[in-house]
Amino acid sequence: MIRKTLTAFAAVAALASPAAALEPLSQERHINDSLIQARVADVLRRGCPTLNARMVRAFNEARKLKRYARDKGYSETQIDAFLDDREERQRIYREADRYMVANGVVNGEPETFCRLGQQEIARKTIAGSLLVAR
């Protein structure tokens, strides 16, 4: 009950703030593309035995992305609500899955995960920057 009240209060406060003119975080392209690419990197490293995550880099990129959102005018409450939203997370996961399938990843075939991971590293994509080959 208290959480719902606080959430409603935060929503009303957000409408009264300058950030209300901002598009919803779910539609902010840079943020969503970055989160999708981070998910791609995570799935690729789990599916390929020769890829590892660059954890410090991933942590720094996450902080940088949060700072980007704040600099655009989104509040901590808005950012946290977006990141905690299960439906938004599932949407990002679906987009990452579509990207990987469109780029040749097949579940149960580690070499397809490795191939895409190596391509991402070579192309210096966001996902590639979060991966390192062993």
Protein backbone atom coordinates (compact mmCIF):
# COMPACT_ATOMS: atom_id res chain seq x y z
CA MET A 1 0.00 0.00 0.00
CA ILE A 2 2.75 2.42 0.96
CA ARG A 3 4.76 1.45 -2.12
CA LYS A 4 1.77 2.10 -4.39
CA THR A 5 1.21 5.46 -2.75
CA LEU A 6 4.86 6.40 -3.15
CA THR A 7 4.84 5.25 -6.77
CA ALA A 8 1.72 7.33 -7.45
CA PHE A 9 3.29 10.32 -5.71
CA ALA A 10 6.46 9.94 -7.78
CA ALA A 11 4.39 9.77 -10.97
CA VAL A 12 2.54 12.96 -10.07
CA ALA A 13 5.79 14.68 -9.14
CA ALA A 14 7.32 13.59 -12.44
CA LEU A 15 4.41 15.12 -14.35
CA ALA A 16 4.97 18.42 -12.60
CA SER A 17 8.71 18.43 -13.31
CA PRO A 18 10.55 19.60 -16.43
CA ALA A 19 11.37 15.97 -17.14
CA ALA A 20 7.69 15.44 -17.95
CA ALA A 21 8.44 16.81 -21.42
CA LEU A 22 10.89 13.96 -21.98
CA GLU A 23 9.88 10.90 -23.92
CA PRO A 24 9.34 7.78 -21.81
CA LEU A 25 12.59 5.96 -21.07
CA SER A 26 11.22 2.97 -22.96
CA GLN A 27 11.36 5.11 -26.11
CA GLU A 28 14.74 6.79 -25.57
CA ARG A 29 16.80 5.20 -28.34
CA HIS A 30 20.34 5.46 -26.96
CA ILE A 31 19.36 4.04 -23.59
CA ASN A 32 17.36 1.18 -25.07
CA ASP A 33 19.97 0.31 -27.70
CA SER A 34 22.65 0.26 -25.01
CA LEU A 35 20.60 -2.00 -22.73
CA ILE A 36 19.82 -4.35 -25.63
CA GLN A 37 23.51 -4.55 -26.53
CA ALA A 38 24.44 -5.20 -22.90
CA ARG A 39 21.97 -8.09 -22.86
CA VAL A 40 23.41 -9.40 -26.13
CA ALA A 41 26.91 -9.38 -24.62
CA ASP A 42 25.69 -11.19 -21.51
CA VAL A 43 23.94 -13.94 -23.48
CA LEU A 44 26.88 -14.36 -25.87
CA ARG A 45 29.40 -14.76 -23.06
CA ARG A 46 27.17 -17.33 -21.36
CA GLY A 47 26.67 -19.25 -24.60
CA CYS A 48 30.29 -19.23 -25.77
CA PRO A 49 32.99 -20.96 -23.75
CA THR A 50 35.73 -18.75 -25.26
CA LEU A 51 34.19 -15.39 -24.33
CA ASN A 52 34.36 -13.58 -21.02
CA ALA A 53 32.72 -10.41 -19.79
CA ARG A 54 34.72 -7.28 -19.21
CA MET A 55 33.02 -6.70 -15.86
CA VAL A 56 34.74 -3.46 -14.90
CA ARG A 57 33.94 -2.05 -18.34
CA ALA A 58 30.32 -3.20 -18.01
CA PHE A 59 30.02 -1.56 -14.60
CA ASN A 60 31.51 1.70 -15.92
CA GLU A 61 29.23 1.67 -18.96
CA ALA A 62 26.19 1.15 -16.73
CA ARG A 63 27.19 4.14 -14.60
CA LYS A 64 27.80 6.21 -17.73
CA LEU A 65 24.38 5.27 -19.12
CA LYS A 66 22.67 6.22 -15.86
CA ARG A 67 24.51 9.54 -15.88
CA TYR A 68 23.39 10.09 -19.48
CA ALA A 69 19.77 9.56 -18.42
CA ARG A 70 20.12 11.97 -15.48
CA ASP A 71 21.78 14.58 -17.72
CA LYS A 72 18.81 14.35 -20.09
CA GLY A 73 16.56 15.22 -17.17
CA TYR A 74 15.27 11.86 -15.98
CA SER A 75 15.05 11.53 -12.21
CA GLU A 76 16.57 8.71 -10.17
CA THR A 77 13.03 7.55 -9.45
CA GLN A 78 12.18 7.39 -13.16
CA ILE A 79 15.41 5.59 -14.01
CA ASP A 80 15.05 3.06 -11.20
CA ALA A 81 11.39 2.43 -12.04
CA PHE A 82 12.31 1.78 -15.67
CA LEU A 83 15.17 -0.56 -14.77
CA ASP A 84 13.01 -2.43 -12.25
CA ASP A 85 10.03 -2.80 -14.60
CA ARG A 86 9.66 -6.48 -15.46
CA GLU A 87 7.78 -5.83 -18.71
CA GLU A 88 10.47 -3.42 -19.91
CA ARG A 89 13.18 -5.94 -19.03
CA GLN A 90 11.34 -8.65 -20.96
CA ARG A 91 10.98 -6.31 -23.94
CA ILE A 92 14.72 -5.63 -23.92
CA TYR A 93 15.43 -9.37 -23.68
CA ARG A 94 13.12 -10.05 -26.66
CA GLU A 95 14.88 -7.37 -28.73
CA ALA A 96 18.27 -8.84 -27.84
CA ASP A 97 17.05 -12.32 -28.80
CA ARG A 98 15.75 -11.02 -32.14
CA TYR A 99 19.10 -9.36 -32.83
CA MET A 100 21.04 -12.52 -32.06
CA VAL A 101 18.77 -14.78 -34.11
CA ALA A 102 18.95 -12.33 -37.03
CA ASN A 103 22.73 -12.56 -36.74
CA GLY A 104 22.91 -16.35 -36.80
CA VAL A 105 22.81 -17.41 -33.15
CA VAL A 106 21.20 -20.79 -32.62
CA ASN A 107 20.44 -22.10 -29.12
CA GLY A 108 22.46 -25.18 -28.31
CA GLU A 109 25.17 -24.29 -30.85
CA PRO A 110 27.96 -22.53 -28.93
CA GLU A 111 29.93 -21.83 -32.10
CA THR A 112 27.15 -19.48 -33.26
CA PHE A 113 27.41 -17.52 -30.00
CA CYS A 114 31.19 -17.39 -30.37
CA ARG A 115 31.00 -16.29 -34.01
CA LEU A 116 28.65 -13.39 -33.22
CA GLY A 117 30.71 -12.46 -30.16
CA GLN A 118 33.87 -12.28 -32.25
CA GLN A 119 32.05 -10.20 -34.87
CA GLU A 120 30.80 -7.80 -32.20
CA ILE A 121 34.33 -7.43 -30.81
CA ALA A 122 35.76 -6.82 -34.30
CA ARG A 123 33.04 -4.28 -35.18
CA LYS A 124 33.63 -2.52 -31.85
CA THR A 125 29.93 -2.48 -31.00
CA ILE A 126 28.67 -1.83 -27.50
CA ALA A 127 28.25 -5.59 -27.03
CA GLY A 128 31.74 -6.18 -28.36
CA SER A 129 33.23 -3.65 -25.97
CA LEU A 130 31.80 -5.66 -23.06
CA LEU A 131 33.38 -8.92 -24.23
CA VAL A 132 36.87 -10.34 -24.35
CA ALA A 133 38.04 -13.52 -26.07
CA ARG A 134 39.93 -15.99 -23.89
